[in-house]
Protein backbone atom coordinates (compact mmCIF):
# COMPACT_ATOMS: atom_id res chain seq x y z
CA MET A 1 -54.43 111.13 106.16
CA ALA A 2 -56.15 113.47 103.72
CA LYS A 3 -55.05 115.34 100.59
CA PHE A 4 -54.15 119.03 100.71
CA PHE A 5 -52.94 121.63 98.21
CA PHE A 6 -50.51 124.46 98.92
CA LEU A 7 -50.29 127.50 96.66
CA VAL A 8 -46.85 128.96 97.32
CA SER A 9 -44.98 132.12 96.46
CA GLY A 10 -43.16 132.42 93.16
CA GLU A 11 -40.27 134.36 94.68
CA ASN A 12 -37.93 131.37 94.51
CA PRO A 13 -38.26 128.02 92.69
CA THR A 14 -37.35 125.79 95.67
CA LEU A 15 -37.57 127.64 98.99
CA PRO A 16 -41.39 127.78 99.34
CA PHE A 17 -41.71 124.01 98.87
CA ALA A 18 -38.85 123.34 101.27
CA GLU A 19 -40.46 125.60 103.87
CA VAL A 20 -43.76 123.68 103.79
CA LYS A 21 -41.96 120.36 104.25
CA ALA A 22 -39.79 121.78 107.04
CA ILE A 23 -42.84 123.04 108.93
CA LEU A 24 -44.57 119.68 108.68
CA GLU A 25 -41.46 117.92 109.97
CA ALA A 26 -40.96 120.41 112.80
CA GLU A 27 -44.58 119.98 113.89
CA ASN A 28 -44.43 116.16 113.60
CA HIS A 29 -46.93 115.81 110.75
CA ALA A 30 -46.29 112.68 108.72
CA TYR A 31 -46.72 113.44 105.02
CA SER A 32 -46.15 112.13 101.53
CA VAL A 33 -45.82 114.35 98.47
CA LEU A 34 -48.24 113.40 95.68
CA PHE A 35 -47.06 115.87 93.04
CA ARG A 36 -45.64 119.32 92.51
CA LEU A 37 -46.21 121.94 89.82
CA THR A 38 -45.04 125.52 89.47
CA GLN A 39 -46.10 127.19 92.76
CA VAL A 40 -48.33 124.24 93.72
CA LEU A 41 -47.67 121.35 96.08
CA VAL A 42 -50.16 118.53 96.71
CA LEU A 43 -49.55 116.08 99.52
CA LYS A 44 -51.15 113.72 102.02
CA SER A 45 -51.01 114.57 105.71
CA ASP A 46 -53.24 114.95 108.75
CA PRO A 47 -55.76 117.84 108.86
CA ARG A 48 -53.80 119.71 111.53
CA CYS A 49 -51.04 120.38 109.01
CA ILE A 50 -53.06 123.30 107.63
CA GLU A 51 -53.01 125.08 110.99
CA SER A 52 -49.25 124.58 111.35
CA VAL A 53 -48.46 125.98 107.91
CA ALA A 54 -50.86 128.90 108.41
CA TYR A 55 -49.20 129.75 111.74
CA ARG A 56 -45.57 129.47 110.63
CA SER A 57 -45.16 129.93 106.89
CA SER A 58 -43.99 133.08 105.14
CA LEU A 59 -43.88 131.78 101.55
CA THR A 60 -47.23 129.95 101.34
CA ARG A 61 -50.10 131.98 99.90
CA ALA A 62 -53.09 129.66 100.37
CA CYS A 63 -53.83 126.07 101.32
CA GLY A 64 -56.70 123.73 102.00
CA PRO A 65 -58.33 120.41 101.17
CA PHE A 66 -57.53 119.08 97.70
CA ILE A 67 -60.57 118.11 95.61
CA ALA A 68 -59.49 117.28 92.06
CA HIS A 69 -56.76 117.46 89.43
CA CYS A 70 -56.85 117.19 85.64
CA LYS A 71 -55.36 118.56 82.46
CA ALA A 72 -56.20 122.19 81.74
CA SER A 73 -58.91 121.98 79.11
CA PRO A 74 -62.36 123.48 79.76
CA GLU A 75 -64.18 120.25 78.91
CA GLU A 76 -61.99 118.06 81.12
CA ILE A 77 -62.12 120.56 83.99
CA LEU A 78 -65.91 120.74 84.02
CA ASN A 79 -66.24 116.97 83.67
CA THR A 80 -63.85 116.48 86.60
CA ILE A 81 -65.75 118.93 88.82
CA GLU A 82 -69.07 117.24 88.01
CA LYS A 83 -67.66 113.90 89.21
CA ALA A 84 -66.32 115.31 92.50
CA ASP A 85 -68.29 114.86 95.73
CA LEU A 86 -68.68 118.54 96.56
CA SER A 87 -71.05 117.87 99.46
CA LEU A 88 -67.94 116.96 101.49
CA HIS A 89 -66.82 120.58 101.32
CA ILE A 90 -69.98 122.70 101.58
CA THR A 91 -73.27 122.17 103.41
CA PRO A 92 -76.80 123.58 102.96
CA GLY A 93 -77.10 127.14 104.17
CA GLU A 94 -73.51 128.10 103.36
CA SER A 95 -72.46 130.62 100.73
CA PHE A 96 -69.61 130.22 98.28
CA ALA A 97 -67.60 131.71 95.44
CA VAL A 98 -65.20 130.30 92.88
CA ARG A 99 -61.85 131.88 92.14
CA ILE A 100 -59.39 130.97 89.36
CA LYS A 101 -55.65 131.61 89.85
CA ARG A 102 -53.42 131.49 86.80
CA ILE A 103 -49.71 130.81 87.47
CA ARG A 104 -47.27 132.57 85.15
CA GLY A 105 -49.67 132.79 82.25
CA SER A 106 -50.47 129.06 82.21
CA SER A 107 -53.28 127.94 79.85
CA PRO A 108 -53.93 131.33 78.19
CA GLN A 109 -56.64 129.75 76.03
CA ILE A 110 -58.89 129.38 79.09
CA ASP A 111 -61.17 132.28 80.01
CA GLY A 112 -60.87 132.47 83.79
CA LEU A 113 -64.09 134.41 84.44
CA SER A 114 -66.13 132.10 82.24
CA LEU A 115 -64.63 129.07 83.98
CA GLU A 116 -65.49 130.52 87.40
CA ARG A 117 -69.14 130.92 86.37
CA LYS A 118 -69.40 127.42 84.92
CA ILE A 119 -67.80 125.77 87.95
CA GLY A 120 -70.00 127.86 90.23
CA ARG A 121 -73.09 126.62 88.39
CA ILE A 122 -72.00 122.99 88.86
CA ILE A 123 -71.43 123.52 92.60
CA PHE A 124 -74.76 125.34 93.01
CA ASN A 125 -76.66 122.54 91.29
CA SER A 126 -74.87 119.72 93.12
CA VAL A 127 -75.66 120.74 96.72
CA LYS A 128 -79.13 121.90 97.67
CA GLY A 129 -79.62 124.95 99.87
CA ILE A 130 -76.31 126.69 99.16
CA ARG A 131 -76.02 130.18 97.72
CA VAL A 132 -73.54 132.26 95.76
CA ASN A 133 -71.92 135.25 97.46
CA LEU A 134 -69.14 136.88 95.45
CA GLU A 135 -68.39 139.58 98.02
CA ARG A 136 -68.21 137.73 101.37
CA PRO A 137 -68.49 133.99 100.76
CA GLU A 138 -68.21 131.53 103.62
CA LYS A 139 -66.42 129.06 101.36
CA ILE A 140 -64.01 129.80 98.51
CA PHE A 141 -63.32 127.11 95.93
CA LEU A 142 -59.98 127.76 94.27
CA GLY A 143 -58.99 126.53 90.82
CA ILE A 144 -55.30 126.85 89.95
CA LEU A 145 -53.94 126.75 86.40
CA SER A 146 -50.29 125.73 86.47
CA ASP A 147 -48.07 123.99 83.91
CA GLU A 148 -51.13 123.24 81.73
CA ASN A 149 -52.74 121.45 84.68
CA PHE A 150 -55.80 122.34 86.76
CA ILE A 151 -55.84 121.85 90.53
CA PHE A 152 -59.10 122.35 92.40
CA GLY A 153 -59.50 122.72 96.14
CA LEU A 154 -61.24 124.48 98.99
CA LYS A 155 -59.25 127.46 100.26
CA ALA A 156 -59.16 126.98 104.02
CA VAL A 157 -56.36 129.45 104.71
CA GLU A 158 -55.02 132.56 103.00
CA ILE A 159 -51.66 133.84 104.23
CA LYS A 160 -51.11 137.51 103.51
CA ALA A 161 -47.74 139.24 103.45
CA GLY A 162 -49.00 142.28 105.37
CA GLU A 163 -47.66 141.21 108.76
CA PHE A 164 -44.18 140.66 107.33
CA ILE A 165 -44.28 144.03 105.56
CA LYS A 166 -45.06 145.67 108.91
CA ARG A 167 -41.82 144.26 110.26
CA GLY A 168 -39.79 145.32 107.19
CA PRO A 169 -36.79 147.69 107.29
CA SER A 170 -38.90 150.80 106.70
CA ARG A 171 -41.13 149.99 109.70
CA THR A 172 -38.62 148.83 112.33
CA VAL A 173 -37.16 151.10 114.99
CA PHE A 174 -33.60 150.07 114.13
CA SER A 175 -32.59 149.06 110.61
CA HIS A 176 -29.49 148.22 108.59
CA SER A 177 -28.94 147.76 104.86
CA ALA A 178 -27.76 144.18 105.43
CA ALA A 179 -30.79 143.12 107.51
CA MET A 180 -32.55 139.98 106.32
CA PRO A 181 -36.15 140.72 105.16
CA PRO A 182 -38.77 139.31 107.58
CA LYS A 183 -40.24 136.83 105.06
CA MET A 184 -36.85 135.31 104.31
CA ALA A 185 -35.89 135.36 107.98
CA ARG A 186 -39.05 133.42 108.86
CA CYS A 187 -38.41 130.95 106.05
CA MET A 188 -34.86 130.32 107.27
CA VAL A 189 -36.08 129.82 110.83
CA ASN A 190 -38.54 127.23 109.52
CA LEU A 191 -35.81 125.46 107.55
CA ALA A 192 -33.99 124.92 110.86
CA ARG A 193 -37.13 123.07 112.05
CA PRO A 194 -37.36 124.37 115.63
CA LYS A 195 -40.29 123.22 117.76
CA THR A 196 -42.18 125.42 120.19
CA GLY A 197 -39.94 126.04 123.18
CA ASP A 198 -36.70 125.15 121.38
CA LEU A 199 -33.74 127.46 121.93
CA VAL A 200 -32.76 129.29 118.72
CA PHE A 201 -29.47 131.18 118.61
CA ASP A 202 -28.23 133.82 116.16
CA PRO A 203 -24.53 134.61 116.70
CA PHE A 204 -24.59 137.50 114.20
CA CYS A 205 -27.96 138.88 115.26
CA GLY A 206 -27.61 142.40 113.80
CA THR A 207 -31.07 143.99 113.83
CA GLY A 208 -32.68 140.86 115.30
CA SER A 209 -34.60 139.68 112.21
CA PHE A 210 -34.18 135.95 112.91
CA LEU A 211 -34.79 136.37 116.63
CA VAL A 212 -38.07 138.20 116.01
CA GLU A 213 -39.38 135.53 113.64
CA ALA A 214 -38.30 132.63 115.87
CA GLY A 215 -39.84 134.30 118.91
CA LEU A 216 -43.15 134.90 117.14
CA ILE A 217 -43.60 131.17 116.49
CA GLY A 218 -42.97 130.27 120.11
CA CYS A 219 -39.23 129.59 120.28
CA ARG A 220 -36.89 130.71 123.03
CA ILE A 221 -34.24 133.00 121.58
CA ILE A 222 -30.69 134.16 122.29
CA GLY A 223 -28.65 136.47 120.10
CA SER A 224 -25.15 137.86 120.07
CA ASP A 225 -23.21 140.36 117.99
CA ILE A 226 -19.72 141.76 118.28
CA LYS A 227 -21.06 145.31 117.97
CA ARG A 228 -22.82 146.97 120.91
CA ARG A 229 -24.83 149.16 118.52
CA MET A 230 -26.40 146.07 116.93
CA ILE A 231 -27.35 144.58 120.28
CA GLU A 232 -28.97 147.85 121.33
CA GLY A 233 -30.87 147.93 118.02
CA SER A 234 -32.01 144.33 118.41
CA ILE A 235 -33.36 145.11 121.87
CA GLN A 236 -35.48 147.91 120.39
CA ASN A 237 -36.83 145.79 117.51
CA LEU A 238 -37.64 142.81 119.71
CA SER A 239 -39.47 145.07 122.15
CA VAL A 240 -41.60 146.64 119.40
CA CYS A 241 -42.59 143.16 118.17
CA GLY A 242 -43.42 141.94 121.67
CA VAL A 243 -40.68 139.31 121.71
CA GLU A 244 -38.75 138.65 124.92
CA PRO A 245 -35.26 137.17 124.44
CA GLU A 246 -33.57 134.92 126.96
CA GLY A 247 -30.42 136.89 126.35
CA LEU A 248 -28.69 139.35 124.01
CA LEU A 249 -24.92 139.36 124.30
CA ILE A 250 -22.01 141.39 123.00
CA ALA A 251 -19.81 138.49 121.95
CA ASP A 252 -17.50 137.19 119.24
CA ALA A 253 -19.16 134.37 117.26
CA ARG A 254 -15.81 132.57 117.19
CA VAL A 255 -15.86 132.28 120.98
CA PRO A 256 -19.52 131.67 121.91
CA PRO A 257 -20.23 131.77 125.67
CA PHE A 258 -22.33 128.58 125.77
CA PRO A 259 -21.88 125.17 127.38
CA SER A 260 -21.64 122.04 125.24
CA GLU A 261 -24.80 121.00 123.34
CA SER A 262 -26.97 123.78 124.79
CA VAL A 263 -28.61 125.17 121.63
CA ASP A 264 -31.35 123.42 119.60
CA CYS A 265 -31.03 125.44 116.37
CA ILE A 266 -28.84 128.14 114.89
CA VAL A 267 -30.17 130.54 112.26
CA THR A 268 -27.87 133.28 111.08
CA ASP A 269 -26.52 135.48 108.29
CA PRO A 270 -22.77 136.00 108.85
CA PRO A 271 -21.10 139.17 107.47
CA TYR A 272 -19.95 139.09 103.85
CA GLY A 273 -17.70 142.13 103.96
CA THR A 274 -19.87 144.39 101.75
CA SER A 275 -22.12 146.49 104.00
CA THR A 276 -21.02 144.57 107.12
CA THR A 277 -17.63 144.20 108.74
CA THR A 278 -15.59 141.00 108.85
CA LEU A 279 -12.98 142.55 111.18
CA GLY A 280 -10.36 142.29 108.45
CA MET A 281 -10.88 138.55 107.91
CA ARG A 282 -11.55 136.97 104.54
CA THR A 283 -15.20 135.90 104.20
CA SER A 284 -14.27 132.22 103.99
CA GLU A 285 -12.28 132.58 107.24
CA VAL A 286 -15.32 134.07 108.98
CA PHE A 287 -17.41 131.06 108.04
CA LYS A 288 -14.73 128.53 108.89
CA SER A 289 -14.02 129.97 112.35
CA PHE A 290 -17.71 130.42 113.15
CA LEU A 291 -18.62 126.88 112.04
CA SER A 292 -15.73 125.41 114.01
CA ALA A 293 -17.04 127.07 117.17
CA THR A 294 -20.63 126.10 116.42
CA ARG A 295 -20.00 122.36 116.58
CA GLY A 296 -19.39 122.56 120.32
CA PHE A 297 -22.68 124.03 121.50
CA LEU A 298 -25.24 122.83 118.91
CA LYS A 299 -27.14 119.80 120.19
CA LYS A 300 -26.66 116.47 118.46
CA GLY A 301 -29.20 116.37 115.64
CA GLY A 302 -29.78 120.12 115.88
CA ARG A 303 -29.91 122.13 112.68
CA LEU A 304 -27.95 125.10 111.46
CA CYS A 305 -29.47 127.30 108.73
CA LEU A 306 -27.30 130.08 107.37
CA ALA A 307 -26.96 132.43 104.43
CA ALA A 308 -23.69 132.79 102.53
CA PRO A 309 -22.44 134.09 99.18
CA LYS A 310 -22.44 131.23 96.67
CA ARG A 311 -18.78 131.94 95.88
CA VAL A 312 -17.78 130.99 99.45
CA ASN A 313 -18.90 127.37 98.92
CA VAL A 314 -20.05 127.11 102.53
CA SER A 315 -21.24 123.53 102.00
CA ARG A 316 -17.68 122.40 101.35
CA ILE A 317 -16.38 124.26 104.41
CA ALA A 318 -19.08 122.79 106.64
CA LYS A 319 -18.53 119.24 105.39
CA GLU A 320 -14.80 119.50 106.09
CA LEU A 321 -15.68 120.42 109.68
CA GLY A 322 -17.94 117.40 110.14
CA PHE A 323 -21.37 118.85 109.36
CA LYS A 324 -23.90 116.93 107.30
CA HIS A 325 -25.32 118.96 104.42
CA GLN A 326 -29.13 118.65 104.25
CA GLU A 327 -30.19 121.14 101.58
CA SER A 328 -29.26 124.34 99.77
CA HIS A 329 -31.28 126.97 97.93
CA PHE A 330 -29.95 129.83 95.83
CA ILE A 331 -31.23 133.40 95.58
CA TYR A 332 -29.93 135.83 92.96
CA ILE A 333 -29.53 139.23 94.64
CA HIS A 334 -27.55 141.17 92.05
CA ARG A 335 -24.67 140.68 89.61
CA ARG A 336 -22.07 140.34 92.38
CA LEU A 337 -24.08 138.26 94.83
CA THR A 338 -26.03 135.02 94.64
CA ARG A 339 -26.96 133.98 98.15
CA GLU A 340 -26.92 130.34 99.25
CA ILE A 341 -29.35 129.33 102.00
CA ALA A 342 -27.86 126.13 103.43
CA VAL A 343 -29.02 123.75 106.15
CA PHE A 344 -26.71 121.43 108.10
CA THR A 345 -26.88 118.98 110.98
CA ILE A 346 -24.19 117.52 113.20
């Protein structure tokens, strides 16, 4: 077990942290959380955890080996860096650069550029034969200022949002105003904790957002929707992304055509009755009837991750139907809608 830091997105206060933990659990990495700050998570796990998060995460921005932590004062930071064994992270002949990331204006009294130069000087003097390269360094040491703390590590992975932007509504062949953005779709898939080869089902597949993201991380996928137009659109979007479904069905989510305990995970965003149809049913009735049907074909221990308006209180509905509530996260969309992302097991 080694120590690692994760710099996560600031888009939501809880989802990015939950996604990292879900990925580690899905990929069977034992871990223990050491501490958490705004947009920073530090934990102990095995070195392979970095590869798993880099491959699956949508809300992590950078991660790598953790080196040091202290209060955010220039004197304490430099003293802490001088005491660290930097030879564990860079070897003679390699080039490096130092970058400082300030989270939400933390520690405004610290001059970031000056701190980068001073830390760089310490690293240069501590390991013989290394060189500074600010343009294309082989190693990047990252210092993060968050909540008046300083976290220092080696950036092994940087996860850029570009790939998710490419799959956004403006880039897909078929789009809809209610489609879940790719980053959030990937996060929700991760919260369901599917493993490679697991069967992931979306009974309200719409434009195929969840199916695309599940397929891209190696899951088998099946989707259904009551509208033929949505199924035809999903086929187009999956094809463009190079994802092959095991099946796309025109079907009513209340009467799923699956045998008992045949699906590993369910990830979905049922209609709320705003820009999507509920076939004349109240939103709460949609969730109740769908969840009742779901219990039959979700495997024992399998997870269901869904989005719902906070006002629906989907956790209460699910508990009444025998589901075990694992976690919920809330996203403010606009004045009339706060979305709950909830995870359940049977």
